[in-house]
Structures are given as C-alpha cells and as structure tokens.
Amino acid sequence: MKTIFKIPVLLLAIMLVFSCSDSKKEEESSNSNSGSQAKIEKITFNQAEEFMLERTKNLNQTLMKKKSVNFDGTKIYMFLSVAENGYVCISSISENVLQVLAADCGTYERKIQEWNAVY
C-alpha cells in the first residue's frame, strides 16, 4: 500500500487529540449530569505497543522505534516502522483510544528527521 499523507503526522495527531478531548469532555459532562461516576480507562504504553506490533505485522512492516510524548496533558504514543518497500512510517496513538490517530509514511531521511524532532 503506497498511500502517503502530505500533512505531517504531528499536525494530524494534534487535531485528533483535540477532537478526542472534546468528546471526552462531553462524555464527562453528561456523566456528571446524570450522577454517574464512571472512570475513563486510559490506554497504557504497553497496550499501544502490543496493538502496533500486531498492526505492523499485518501490514508487512517492522516496528523499529517507539516513544511517548506529552501533548497538552495527553500522552501520545509514537511508533516508527519500516515497510518492505523501504518507506518509513510514523504512527501515533492517544492514551484515550486504542486506535491509530495518524500515520505518515515517507522516505527514510525525512521520517527519521521528523522522528528526531518529536520529543
């Protein structure tokens, strides 16, 4: 699959984090209005890593690097994988939902530079 997104992965992750945060606030607001004290379970780094290991295996990619970053109080788990065609992909998962928020693939040089810029 040779889909390449032109919007940087971090920008997509930021937009989706805000979207997830708004949904979470709405849910918390409705829960507090109904008197329910349901606790929202956070996704752990290990859960996100297991999810990405399975995902990359299914996509014939190899998971190479991983890191956790904090963005506006939300943990974002970042993963770098290499595809069989040599492209490198950066994927992100929020601690709020066990799904890929954004994935961006490109040349090794460009993706490694972007990976190193995220801390």
PDB file of N, CA and C in Angstrom:
ATOM      1  N   MET A   1       0.852  -1.164   0.000  1.00  0.00           N
ATOM      2  CA  MET A   1       0.000   0.000   0.000  1.00  0.00           C
ATOM      3  C   MET A   1       0.896   1.225   0.000  1.00  0.00           C
ATOM      4  N   LYS A   2       0.752   2.125  -0.958  1.00  0.00           N
ATOM      5  CA  LYS A   2       1.668   3.238  -1.112  1.00  0.00           C
ATOM      6  C   LYS A   2       0.996   4.571  -0.816  1.00  0.00           C
ATOM      7  N   THR A   3       0.055   4.605   0.093  1.00  0.00           N
ATOM      8  CA  THR A   3      -0.596   5.849   0.443  1.00  0.00           C
ATOM      9  C   THR A   3       0.353   6.708   1.255  1.00  0.00           C
ATOM     10  N   ILE A   4       0.539   7.942   0.827  1.00  0.00           N
ATOM     11  CA  ILE A   4       1.401   8.869   1.541  1.00  0.00           C
ATOM     12  C   ILE A   4       0.571  10.107   1.866  1.00  0.00           C
ATOM     13  N   PHE A   5       0.525  10.438   3.138  1.00  0.00           N
ATOM     14  CA  PHE A   5      -0.212  11.612   3.563  1.00  0.00           C
ATOM     15  C   PHE A   5       0.710  12.811   3.522  1.00  0.00           C
ATOM     16  N   LYS A   6       0.217  13.933   3.027  1.00  0.00           N
ATOM     17  CA  LYS A   6       1.052  15.115   2.888  1.00  0.00           C
ATOM     18  C   LYS A   6       1.024  15.989   4.132  1.00  0.00           C
ATOM     19  N   ILE A   7       0.061  15.806   5.014  1.00  0.00           N
ATOM     20  CA  ILE A   7       0.011  16.574   6.246  1.00  0.00           C
ATOM     21  C   ILE A   7       0.886  15.880   7.268  1.00  0.00           C
ATOM     22  N   PRO A   8       1.787  16.620   7.933  1.00  0.00           N
ATOM     23  CA  PRO A   8       2.669  15.981   8.919  1.00  0.00           C
ATOM     24  C   PRO A   8       1.887  15.253   9.999  1.00  0.00           C
ATOM     25  N   VAL A   9       2.433  14.131  10.444  1.00  0.00           N
ATOM     26  CA  VAL A   9       1.768  13.270  11.409  1.00  0.00           C
ATOM     27  C   VAL A   9       1.482  14.008  12.713  1.00  0.00           C
ATOM     28  N   LEU A  10       2.376  14.870  13.145  1.00  0.00           N
ATOM     29  CA  LEU A  10       2.170  15.567  14.407  1.00  0.00           C
ATOM     30  C   LEU A  10       0.973  16.500  14.315  1.00  0.00           C
ATOM     31  N   LEU A  11       0.793  17.178  13.176  1.00  0.00           N
ATOM     32  CA  LEU A  11      -0.350  18.060  12.995  1.00  0.00           C
ATOM     33  C   LEU A  11      -1.646  17.265  13.062  1.00  0.00           C
ATOM     34  N   LEU A  12      -1.684  16.110  12.400  1.00  0.00           N
ATOM     35  CA  LEU A  12      -2.874  15.261  12.457  1.00  0.00           C
ATOM     36  C   LEU A  12      -3.132  14.777  13.876  1.00  0.00           C
ATOM     37  N   ALA A  13      -2.076  14.391  14.568  1.00  0.00           N
ATOM     38  CA  ALA A  13      -2.224  13.921  15.943  1.00  0.00           C
ATOM     39  C   ALA A  13      -2.786  15.023  16.819  1.00  0.00           C
ATOM     40  N   ILE A  14      -2.303  16.240  16.639  1.00  0.00           N
ATOM     41  CA  ILE A  14      -2.786  17.372  17.437  1.00  0.00           C
ATOM     42  C   ILE A  14      -4.267  17.600  17.176  1.00  0.00           C
ATOM     43  N   MET A  15      -4.663  17.590  15.905  1.00  0.00           N
ATOM     44  CA  MET A  15      -6.072  17.818  15.580  1.00  0.00           C
ATOM     45  C   MET A  15      -6.944  16.722  16.186  1.00  0.00           C
ATOM     46  N   LEU A  16      -6.498  15.478  16.117  1.00  0.00           N
ATOM     47  CA  LEU A  16      -7.289  14.376  16.634  1.00  0.00           C
ATOM     48  C   LEU A  16      -7.317  14.356  18.158  1.00  0.00           C
ATOM     49  N   VAL A  17      -6.233  14.795  18.803  1.00  0.00           N
ATOM     50  CA  VAL A  17      -6.226  14.856  20.265  1.00  0.00           C
ATOM     51  C   VAL A  17      -7.278  15.847  20.735  1.00  0.00           C
ATOM     52  N   PHE A  18      -7.328  17.015  20.073  1.00  0.00           N
ATOM     53  CA  PHE A  18      -8.342  17.989  20.451  1.00  0.00           C
ATOM     54  C   PHE A  18      -9.741  17.438  20.210  1.00  0.00           C
ATOM     55  N   SER A  19      -9.919  16.716  19.129  1.00  0.00           N
ATOM     56  CA  SER A  19     -11.214  16.108  18.842  1.00  0.00           C
ATOM     57  C   SER A  19     -11.590  15.092  19.906  1.00  0.00           C
ATOM     58  N   CYS A  20     -10.624  14.244  20.292  1.00  0.00           N
ATOM     59  CA  CYS A  20     -10.874  13.246  21.340  1.00  0.00           C
ATOM     60  C   CYS A  20     -11.108  13.924  22.681  1.00  0.00           C
ATOM     61  N   SER A  21     -10.375  15.011  22.948  1.00  0.00           N
ATOM     62  CA  SER A  21     -10.539  15.728  24.213  1.00  0.00           C
ATOM     63  C   SER A  21     -11.940  16.319  24.314  1.00  0.00           C
ATOM     64  N   ASP A  22     -12.430  16.886  23.209  1.00  0.00           N
ATOM     65  CA  ASP A  22     -13.777  17.454  23.220  1.00  0.00           C
ATOM     66  C   ASP A  22     -14.812  16.367  23.470  1.00  0.00           C
ATOM     67  N   SER A  23     -14.656  15.207  22.829  1.00  0.00           N
ATOM     68  CA  SER A  23     -15.586  14.101  23.037  1.00  0.00           C
ATOM     69  C   SER A  23     -15.540  13.620  24.475  1.00  0.00           C
ATOM     70  N   LYS A  24     -14.332  13.558  25.028  1.00  0.00           N
ATOM     71  CA  LYS A  24     -14.159  13.105  26.404  1.00  0.00           C
ATOM     72  C   LYS A  24     -14.816  14.099  27.366  1.00  0.00           C
ATOM     73  N   LYS A  25     -14.654  15.400  27.110  1.00  0.00           N
ATOM     74  CA  LYS A  25     -15.267  16.418  27.972  1.00  0.00           C
ATOM     75  C   LYS A  25     -16.784  16.321  27.916  1.00  0.00           C
ATOM     76  N   GLU A  26     -17.326  16.115  26.702  1.00  0.00           N
ATOM     77  CA  GLU A  26     -18.771  15.968  26.564  1.00  0.00           C
ATOM     78  C   GLU A  26     -19.259  14.750  27.339  1.00  0.00           C
ATOM     79  N   GLU A  27     -18.515  13.643  27.240  1.00  0.00           N
ATOM     80  CA  GLU A  27     -18.898  12.416  27.947  1.00  0.00           C
ATOM     81  C   GLU A  27     -18.830  12.635  29.452  1.00  0.00           C
ATOM     82  N   GLU A  28     -17.758  13.287  29.916  1.00  0.00           N
ATOM     83  CA  GLU A  28     -17.629  13.551  31.346  1.00  0.00           C
ATOM     84  C   GLU A  28     -18.747  14.456  31.826  1.00  0.00           C
ATOM     85  N   SER A  29     -19.081  15.446  31.007  1.00  0.00           N
ATOM     86  CA  SER A  29     -20.144  16.368  31.368  1.00  0.00           C
ATOM     87  C   SER A  29     -21.482  15.645  31.476  1.00  0.00           C
ATOM     88  N   SER A  30     -21.775  14.782  30.511  1.00  0.00           N
ATOM     89  CA  SER A  30     -23.043  14.050  30.555  1.00  0.00           C
ATOM     90  C   SER A  30     -23.055  13.061  31.709  1.00  0.00           C
ATOM     91  N   ASN A  31     -21.881  12.463  32.023  1.00  0.00           N
ATOM     92  CA  ASN A  31     -21.808  11.545  33.153  1.00  0.00           C
ATOM     93  C   ASN A  31     -22.021  12.279  34.464  1.00  0.00           C
ATOM     94  N   SER A  32     -21.436  13.466  34.608  1.00  0.00           N
ATOM     95  CA  SER A  32     -21.601  14.202  35.854  1.00  0.00           C
ATOM     96  C   SER A  32     -23.020  14.724  35.980  1.00  0.00           C
ATOM     97  N   ASN A  33     -23.663  15.037  34.873  1.00  0.00           N
ATOM     98  CA  ASN A  33     -25.048  15.499  34.916  1.00  0.00           C
ATOM     99  C   ASN A  33     -25.992  14.385  35.329  1.00  0.00           C
ATOM    100  N   SER A  34     -25.665  13.146  34.973  1.00  0.00           N
ATOM    101  CA  SER A  34     -26.542  12.035  35.305  1.00  0.00           C
ATOM    102  C   SER A  34     -26.193  11.430  36.657  1.00  0.00           C
ATOM    103  N   GLY A  35     -25.141  11.943  37.295  1.00  0.00           N
ATOM    104  CA  GLY A  35     -24.760  11.443  38.608  1.00  0.00           C
ATOM    105  C   GLY A  35     -23.862  10.231  38.539  1.00  0.00           C
ATOM    106  N   SER A  36     -23.534   9.765  37.354  1.00  0.00           N
ATOM    107  CA  SER A  36     -22.676   8.595  37.196  1.00  0.00           C
ATOM    108  C   SER A  36     -21.221   9.001  37.393  1.00  0.00           C
ATOM    109  N   GLN A  37     -20.465   8.163  38.057  1.00  0.00           N
ATOM    110  CA  GLN A  37     -19.055   8.437  38.295  1.00  0.00           C
ATOM    111  C   GLN A  37     -18.190   7.419  37.548  1.00  0.00           C
ATOM    112  N   ALA A  38     -18.525   7.142  36.289  1.00  0.00           N
ATOM    113  CA  ALA A  38     -17.775   6.172  35.501  1.00  0.00           C
ATOM    114  C   ALA A  38     -16.350   6.674  35.283  1.00  0.00           C
ATOM    115  N   LYS A  39     -15.380   5.802  35.517  1.00  0.00           N
ATOM    116  CA  LYS A  39     -13.983   6.155  35.338  1.00  0.00           C
ATOM    117  C   LYS A  39     -13.562   5.829  33.909  1.00  0.00           C
ATOM    118  N   ILE A  40     -12.901   6.764  33.272  1.00  0.00           N
ATOM    119  CA  ILE A  40     -12.421   6.562  31.912  1.00  0.00           C
ATOM    120  C   ILE A  40     -11.068   5.872  31.979  1.00  0.00           C
ATOM    121  N   GLU A  41     -10.972   4.703  31.378  1.00  0.00           N
ATOM    122  CA  GLU A  41      -9.733   3.932  31.369  1.00  0.00           C
ATOM    123  C   GLU A  41      -8.775   4.515  30.331  1.00  0.00           C
ATOM    124  N   LYS A  42      -7.542   4.698  30.732  1.00  0.00           N
ATOM    125  CA  LYS A  42      -6.509   5.200  29.837  1.00  0.00           C
ATOM    126  C   LYS A  42      -5.770   4.023  29.203  1.00  0.00           C
ATOM    127  N   ILE A  43      -5.340   4.214  27.972  1.00  0.00           N
ATOM    128  CA  ILE A  43      -4.550   3.215  27.261  1.00  0.00           C
ATOM    129  C   ILE A  43      -3.110   3.338  27.757  1.00  0.00           C
ATOM    130  N   THR A  44      -2.493   2.223  28.101  1.00  0.00           N
ATOM    131  CA  THR A  44      -1.103   2.239  28.550  1.00  0.00           C
ATOM    132  C   THR A  44      -0.166   2.152  27.345  1.00  0.00           C
ATOM    133  N   PHE A  45       1.089   2.504  27.582  1.00  0.00           N
ATOM    134  CA  PHE A  45       2.098   2.400  26.531  1.00  0.00           C
ATOM    135  C   PHE A  45       2.230   0.956  26.064  1.00  0.00           C
ATOM    136  N   ASN A  46       2.198   0.000  27.006  1.00  0.00           N
ATOM    137  CA  ASN A  46       2.317  -1.419  26.646  1.00  0.00           C
ATOM    138  C   ASN A  46       1.145  -1.882  25.787  1.00  0.00           C
ATOM    139  N   GLN A  47      -0.065  -1.433  26.098  1.00  0.00           N
ATOM    140  CA  GLN A  47      -1.229  -1.793  25.280  1.00  0.00           C
ATOM    141  C   GLN A  47      -1.082  -1.230  23.864  1.00  0.00           C
ATOM    142  N   ALA A  48      -0.642   0.018  23.771  1.00  0.00           N
ATOM    143  CA  ALA A  48      -0.452   0.639  22.460  1.00  0.00           C
ATOM    144  C   ALA A  48       0.635  -0.083  21.667  1.00  0.00           C
ATOM    145  N   GLU A  49       1.711  -0.475  22.358  1.00  0.00           N
ATOM    146  CA  GLU A  49       2.791  -1.189  21.689  1.00  0.00           C
ATOM    147  C   GLU A  49       2.315  -2.549  21.160  1.00  0.00           C
ATOM    148  N   GLU A  50       1.571  -3.293  21.961  1.00  0.00           N
ATOM    149  CA  GLU A  50       1.036  -4.583  21.510  1.00  0.00           C
ATOM    150  C   GLU A  50       0.134  -4.399  20.294  1.00  0.00           C
ATOM    151  N   PHE A  51      -0.708  -3.376  20.325  1.00  0.00           N
ATOM    152  CA  PHE A  51      -1.595  -3.050  19.215  1.00  0.00           C
ATOM    153  C   PHE A  51      -0.776  -2.773  17.948  1.00  0.00           C
ATOM    154  N   MET A  52       0.285  -1.962  18.086  1.00  0.00           N
ATOM    155  CA  MET A  52       1.107  -1.611  16.929  1.00  0.00           C
ATOM    156  C   MET A  52       1.945  -2.788  16.422  1.00  0.00           C
ATOM    157  N   LEU A  53       2.396  -3.656  17.324  1.00  0.00           N
ATOM    158  CA  LEU A  53       3.123  -4.846  16.877  1.00  0.00           C
ATOM    159  C   LEU A  53       2.247  -5.706  15.977  1.00  0.00           C
ATOM    160  N   GLU A  54       1.008  -5.897  16.381  1.00  0.00           N
ATOM    161  CA  GLU A  54       0.073  -6.687  15.576  1.00  0.00           C
ATOM    162  C   GLU A  54      -0.246  -5.971  14.262  1.00  0.00           C
ATOM    163  N   ARG A  55      -0.465  -4.666  14.335  1.00  0.00           N
ATOM    164  CA  ARG A  55      -0.803  -3.883  13.149  1.00  0.00           C
ATOM    165  C   ARG A  55       0.333  -3.898  12.132  1.00  0.00           C
ATOM    166  N   THR A  56       1.551  -3.656  12.597  1.00  0.00           N
ATOM    167  CA  THR A  56       2.679  -3.635  11.660  1.00  0.00           C
ATOM    168  C   THR A  56       2.924  -5.012  11.058  1.00  0.00           C
ATOM    169  N   LYS A  57       2.720  -6.050  11.848  1.00  0.00           N
ATOM    170  CA  LYS A  57       2.858  -7.416  11.332  1.00  0.00           C
ATOM    171  C   LYS A  57       1.855  -7.654  10.202  1.00  0.00           C
ATOM    172  N   ASN A  58       0.609  -7.221  10.398  1.00  0.00           N
ATOM    173  CA  ASN A  58      -0.435  -7.396   9.385  1.00  0.00           C
ATOM    174  C   ASN A  58      -0.170  -6.580   8.120  1.00  0.00           C
ATOM    175  N   LEU A  59       0.593  -5.478   8.266  1.00  0.00           N
ATOM    176  CA  LEU A  59       0.893  -4.609   7.127  1.00  0.00           C
ATOM    177  C   LEU A  59       2.264  -4.897   6.520  1.00  0.00           C
ATOM    178  N   ASN A  60       2.891  -6.005   6.931  1.00  0.00           N
ATOM    179  CA  ASN A  60       4.235  -6.371   6.464  1.00  0.00           C
ATOM    180  C   ASN A  60       5.254  -5.265   6.731  1.00  0.00           C
ATOM    181  N   GLN A  61       5.154  -4.692   7.927  1.00  0.00           N
ATOM    182  CA  GLN A  61       6.103  -3.690   8.382  1.00  0.00           C
ATOM    183  C   GLN A  61       6.813  -4.228   9.617  1.00  0.00           C
ATOM    184  N   THR A  62       7.912  -3.576   9.966  1.00  0.00           N
ATOM    185  CA  THR A  62       8.656  -3.931  11.161  1.00  0.00           C
ATOM    186  C   THR A  62       8.689  -2.725  12.085  1.00  0.00           C
ATOM    187  N   LEU A  63       8.247  -2.918  13.312  1.00  0.00           N
ATOM    188  CA  LEU A  63       8.268  -1.844  14.304  1.00  0.00           C
ATOM    189  C   LEU A  63       9.708  -1.652  14.763  1.00  0.00           C
ATOM    190  N   MET A  64      10.221  -0.430  14.623  1.00  0.00           N
ATOM    191  CA  MET A  64      11.632  -0.179  14.916  1.00  0.00           C
ATOM    192  C   MET A  64      11.852   0.662  16.176  1.00  0.00           C
ATOM    193  N   LYS A  65      11.052   1.702  16.355  1.00  0.00           N
ATOM    194  CA  LYS A  65      11.251   2.602  17.492  1.00  0.00           C
ATOM    195  C   LYS A  65       9.908   2.992  18.065  1.00  0.00           C
ATOM    196  N   LYS A  66       9.965   3.440  19.315  1.00  0.00           N
ATOM    197  CA  LYS A  66       8.740   3.861  19.987  1.00  0.00           C
ATOM    198  C   LYS A  66       9.096   4.891  21.048  1.00  0.00           C
ATOM    199  N   LYS A  67       8.150   5.779  21.315  1.00  0.00           N
ATOM    200  CA  LYS A  67       8.340   6.763  22.372  1.00  0.00           C
ATOM    201  C   LYS A  67       6.989   7.317  22.783  1.00  0.00           C
ATOM    202  N   SER A  68       6.976   7.893  23.961  1.00  0.00           N
ATOM    203  CA  SER A  68       5.777   8.529  24.493  1.00  0.00           C
ATOM    204  C   SER A  68       6.070  10.010  24.645  1.00  0.00           C
ATOM    205  N   VAL A  69       5.151  10.842  24.173  1.00  0.00           N
ATOM    206  CA  VAL A  69       5.296  12.286  24.327  1.00  0.00           C
ATOM    207  C   VAL A  69       4.040  12.831  24.996  1.00  0.00           C
ATOM    208  N   ASN A  70       4.187  13.950  25.643  1.00  0.00           N
ATOM    209  CA  ASN A  70       3.054  14.587  26.295  1.00  0.00           C
ATOM    210  C   ASN A  70       2.658  15.800  25.477  1.00  0.00           C
ATOM    211  N   PHE A  71       1.397  15.839  25.063  1.00  0.00           N
ATOM    212  CA  PHE A  71       0.896  16.982  24.315  1.00  0.00           C
ATOM    213  C   PHE A  71      -0.329  17.530  25.021  1.00  0.00           C
ATOM    214  N   ASP A  72      -0.206  18.711  25.574  1.00  0.00           N
ATOM    215  CA  ASP A  72      -1.313  19.402  26.218  1.00  0.00           C
ATOM    216  C   ASP A  72      -1.999  18.519  27.266  1.00  0.00           C
ATOM    217  N   GLY A  73      -1.175  17.816  28.057  1.00  0.00           N
ATOM    218  CA  GLY A  73      -1.701  16.977  29.131  1.00  0.00           C
ATOM    219  C   GLY A  73      -2.161  15.597  28.705  1.00  0.00           C
ATOM    220  N   THR A  74      -2.023  15.263  27.441  1.00  0.00           N
ATOM    221  CA  THR A  74      -2.420  13.949  26.932  1.00  0.00           C
ATOM    222  C   THR A  74      -1.190  13.207  26.441  1.00  0.00           C
ATOM    223  N   LYS A  75      -1.069  11.950  26.832  1.00  0.00           N
ATOM    224  CA  LYS A  75       0.038  11.127  26.347  1.00  0.00           C
ATOM    225  C   LYS A  75      -0.267  10.671  24.928  1.00  0.00           C
ATOM    226  N   ILE A  76       0.730  10.845  24.074  1.00  0.00           N
ATOM    227  CA  ILE A  76       0.650  10.364  22.703  1.00  0.00           C
ATOM    228  C   ILE A  76       1.785   9.359  22.533  1.00  0.00           C
ATOM    229  N   TYR A  77       1.438   8.154  22.118  1.00  0.00           N
ATOM    230  CA  TYR A  77       2.421   7.109  21.903  1.00  0.00           C
ATOM    231  C   TYR A  77       2.786   7.111  20.421  1.00  0.00           C
ATOM    232  N   MET A  78       4.079   7.257  20.138  1.00  0.00           N
ATOM    233  CA  MET A  78       4.561   7.364  18.770  1.00  0.00           C
ATOM    234  C   MET A  78       5.346   6.096  18.403  1.00  0.00           C
ATOM    235  N   PHE A  79       5.146   5.642  17.175  1.00  0.00           N
ATOM    236  CA  PHE A  79       5.794   4.416  16.703  1.00  0.00           C
ATOM    237  C   PHE A  79       6.376   4.637  15.316  1.00  0.00           C
ATOM    238  N   LEU A  80       7.596   4.157  15.110  1.00  0.00           N
ATOM    239  CA  LEU A  80       8.265   4.252  13.826  1.00  0.00           C
ATOM    240  C   LEU A  80       8.420   2.840  13.284  1.00  0.00           C
ATOM    241  N   SER A  81       7.947   2.621  12.075  1.00  0.00           N
ATOM    242  CA  SER A  81       8.038   1.294  11.457  1.00  0.00           C
ATOM    243  C   SER A  81       8.600   1.424  10.050  1.00  0.00           C
ATOM    244  N   VAL A  82       9.127   0.312   9.550  1.00  0.00           N
ATOM    245  CA  VAL A  82       9.702   0.275   8.213  1.00  0.00           C
ATOM    246  C   VAL A  82       8.916  -0.731   7.387  1.00  0.00           C
ATOM    247  N   ALA A  83       8.491  -0.291   6.209  1.00  0.00           N
ATOM    248  CA  ALA A  83       7.740  -1.153   5.294  1.00  0.00           C
ATOM    249  C   ALA A  83       8.705  -1.929   4.407  1.00  0.00           C
ATOM    250  N   GLU A  84       8.205  -2.966   3.758  1.00  0.00           N
ATOM    251  CA  GLU A  84       9.033  -3.791   2.882  1.00  0.00           C
ATOM    252  C   GLU A  84       9.609  -2.995   1.714  1.00  0.00           C
ATOM    253  N   ASN A  85       8.896  -1.944   1.282  1.00  0.00           N
ATOM    254  CA  ASN A  85       9.389  -1.141   0.156  1.00  0.00           C
ATOM    255  C   ASN A  85      10.416  -0.097   0.589  1.00  0.00           C
ATOM    256  N   GLY A  86      10.794  -0.096   1.873  1.00  0.00           N
ATOM    257  CA  GLY A  86      11.804   0.828   2.362  1.00  0.00           C
ATOM    258  C   GLY A  86      11.248   2.110   2.953  1.00  0.00           C
ATOM    259  N   TYR A  87       9.963   2.366   2.743  1.00  0.00           N
ATOM    260  CA  TYR A  87       9.374   3.567   3.336  1.00  0.00           C
ATOM    261  C   TYR A  87       9.316   3.414   4.847  1.00  0.00           C
ATOM    262  N   VAL A  88       9.410   4.532   5.521  1.00  0.00           N
ATOM    263  CA  VAL A  88       9.341   4.580   6.976  1.00  0.00           C
ATOM    264  C   VAL A  88       8.047   5.285   7.352  1.00  0.00           C
ATOM    265  N   CYS A  89       7.341   4.741   8.343  1.00  0.00           N
ATOM    266  CA  CYS A  89       6.067   5.305   8.770  1.00  0.00           C
ATOM    267  C   CYS A  89       6.127   5.702  10.237  1.00  0.00           C
ATOM    268  N   ILE A  90       5.523   6.832  10.549  1.00  0.00           N
ATOM    269  CA  ILE A  90       5.348   7.260  11.930  1.00  0.00           C
ATOM    270  C   ILE A  90       3.851   7.219  12.207  1.00  0.00           C
ATOM    271  N   SER A  91       3.489   6.477  13.248  1.00  0.00           N
ATOM    272  CA  SER A  91       2.080   6.352  13.645  1.00  0.00           C
ATOM    273  C   SER A  91       1.938   6.832  15.076  1.00  0.00           C
ATOM    274  N   SER A  92       0.758   7.335  15.404  1.00  0.00           N
ATOM    275  CA  SER A  92       0.523   7.809  16.760  1.00  0.00           C
ATOM    276  C   SER A  92      -0.787   7.268  17.301  1.00  0.00           C
ATOM    277  N   ILE A  93      -0.782   7.018  18.618  1.00  0.00           N
ATOM    278  CA  ILE A  93      -1.957   6.540  19.336  1.00  0.00           C
ATOM    279  C   ILE A  93      -2.087   7.392  20.589  1.00  0.00           C
ATOM    280  N   SER A  94      -3.284   7.850  20.877  1.00  0.00           N
ATOM    281  CA  SER A  94      -3.546   8.635  22.083  1.00  0.00           C
ATOM    282  C   SER A  94      -3.825   7.693  23.250  1.00  0.00           C
ATOM    283  N   GLU A  95      -3.571   8.179  24.454  1.00  0.00           N
ATOM    284  CA  GLU A  95      -3.904   7.389  25.637  1.00  0.00           C
ATOM    285  C   GLU A  95      -5.416   7.258  25.816  1.00  0.00           C
ATOM    286  N   ASN A  96      -6.187   7.999  25.033  1.00  0.00           N
ATOM    287  CA  ASN A  96      -7.640   7.997  25.187  1.00  0.00           C
ATOM    288  C   ASN A  96      -8.357   6.900  24.406  1.00  0.00           C
ATOM    289  N   VAL A  97      -7.781   6.482  23.262  1.00  0.00           N
ATOM    290  CA  VAL A  97      -8.443   5.500  22.395  1.00  0.00           C
ATOM    291  C   VAL A  97      -7.391   4.587  21.770  1.00  0.00           C
ATOM    292  N   LEU A  98      -7.630   3.288  21.789  1.00  0.00           N
ATOM    293  CA  LEU A  98      -6.693   2.340  21.197  1.00  0.00           C
ATOM    294  C   LEU A  98      -6.970   2.206  19.704  1.00  0.00           C
ATOM    295  N   GLN A  99      -6.540   3.229  18.974  1.00  0.00           N
ATOM    296  CA  GLN A  99      -6.617   3.239  17.521  1.00  0.00           C
ATOM    297  C   GLN A  99      -5.568   4.218  17.006  1.00  0.00           C
ATOM    298  N   VAL A 100      -5.175   4.040  15.760  1.00  0.00           N
ATOM    299  CA  VAL A 100      -4.176   4.924  15.177  1.00  0.00           C
ATOM    300  C   VAL A 100      -4.829   6.275  14.910  1.00  0.00           C
ATOM    301  N   LEU A 101      -4.256   7.315  15.522  1.00  0.00           N
ATOM    302  CA  LEU A 101      -4.744   8.678  15.291  1.00  0.00           C
ATOM    303  C   LEU A 101      -4.295   9.177  13.933  1.00  0.00           C
ATOM    304  N   ALA A 102      -3.038   8.920  13.636  1.00  0.00           N
ATOM    305  CA  ALA A 102      -2.466   9.389  12.376  1.00  0.00           C
ATOM    306  C   ALA A 102      -1.297   8.493  12.009  1.00  0.00           C
ATOM    307  N   ALA A 103      -1.083   8.369  10.716  1.00  0.00           N
ATOM    308  CA  ALA A 103       0.077   7.633  10.204  1.00  0.00           C
ATOM    309  C   ALA A 103       0.590   8.402   9.004  1.00  0.00           C
ATOM    310  N   ASP A 104       1.897   8.554   8.941  1.00  0.00           N
ATOM    311  CA  ASP A 104       2.504   9.305   7.851  1.00  0.00           C
ATOM    312  C   ASP A 104       3.747   8.548   7.403  1.00  0.00           C
ATOM    313  N   CYS A 105       3.824   8.235   6.127  1.00  0.00           N
ATOM    314  CA  CYS A 105       4.945   7.462   5.599  1.00  0.00           C
ATOM    315  C   CYS A 105       5.723   8.294   4.589  1.00  0.00           C
ATOM    316  N   GLY A 106       7.002   8.006   4.503  1.00  0.00           N
ATOM    317  CA  GLY A 106       7.836   8.715   3.545  1.00  0.00           C
ATOM    318  C   GLY A 106       9.216   8.109   3.495  1.00  0.00           C
ATOM    319  N   THR A 107      10.131   8.861   2.926  1.00  0.00           N
ATOM    320  CA  THR A 107      11.493   8.380   2.787  1.00  0.00           C
ATOM    321  C   THR A 107      12.169   8.300   4.149  1.00  0.00           C
ATOM    322  N   TYR A 108      13.158   7.448   4.225  1.00  0.00           N
ATOM    323  CA  TYR A 108      13.888   7.228   5.466  1.00  0.00           C
ATOM    324  C   TYR A 108      14.437   8.539   6.028  1.00  0.00           C
ATOM    325  N   GLU A 109      15.110   9.305   5.208  1.00  0.00           N
ATOM    326  CA  GLU A 109      15.748  10.536   5.679  1.00  0.00           C
ATOM    327  C   GLU A 109      14.731  11.504   6.271  1.00  0.00           C
ATOM    328  N   ARG A 110      13.624  11.707   5.568  1.00  0.00           N
ATOM    329  CA  ARG A 110      12.615  12.668   6.026  1.00  0.00           C
ATOM    330  C   ARG A 110      11.938  12.193   7.308  1.00  0.00           C
ATOM    331  N   LYS A 111      11.571  10.927   7.363  1.00  0.00           N
ATOM    332  CA  LYS A 111      10.856  10.410   8.533  1.00  0.00           C
ATOM    333  C   LYS A 111      11.757  10.354   9.769  1.00  0.00           C
ATOM    334  N   ILE A 112      13.029  10.009   9.604  1.00  0.00           N
ATOM    335  CA  ILE A 112      13.949   9.993  10.739  1.00  0.00           C
ATOM    336  C   ILE A 112      14.135  11.413  11.258  1.00  0.00           C
ATOM    337  N   GLN A 113      14.234  12.373  10.366  1.00  0.00           N
ATOM    338  CA  GLN A 113      14.354  13.771  10.792  1.00  0.00           C
ATOM    339  C   GLN A 113      13.105  14.198  11.576  1.00  0.00           C
ATOM    340  N   GLU A 114      11.926  13.827  11.094  1.00  0.00           N
ATOM    341  CA  GLU A 114      10.688  14.157  11.819  1.00  0.00           C
ATOM    342  C   GLU A 114      10.631  13.424  13.157  1.00  0.00           C
ATOM    343  N   TRP A 115      11.031  12.161  13.169  1.00  0.00           N
ATOM    344  CA  TRP A 115      11.031  11.380  14.414  1.00  0.00           C
ATOM    345  C   TRP A 115      11.902  12.038  15.474  1.00  0.00           C
ATOM    346  N   ASN A 116      13.110  12.447  15.058  1.00  0.00           N
ATOM    347  CA  ASN A 116      14.037  13.060  15.987  1.00  0.00           C
ATOM    348  C   ASN A 116      13.566  14.441  16.463  1.00  0.00           C
ATOM    349  N   ALA A 117      12.695  15.081  15.707  1.00  0.00           N
ATOM    350  CA  ALA A 117      12.188  16.406  16.090  1.00  0.00           C
ATOM    351  C   ALA A 117      11.079  16.305  17.133  1.00  0.00           C
ATOM    352  N   VAL A 118      10.502  15.119  17.302  1.00  0.00           N
ATOM    353  CA  VAL A 118       9.414  14.925  18.272  1.00  0.00           C
ATOM    354  C   VAL A 118      10.026  14.460  19.591  1.00  0.00           C
ATOM    355  N   TYR A 119       9.780  15.216  20.641  1.00  0.00           N
ATOM    356  CA  TYR A 119      10.283  14.832  21.965  1.00  0.00           C
ATOM    357  C   TYR A 119       9.337  15.233  23.044  1.00  0.00           C
TER     358      TYR A 119
END
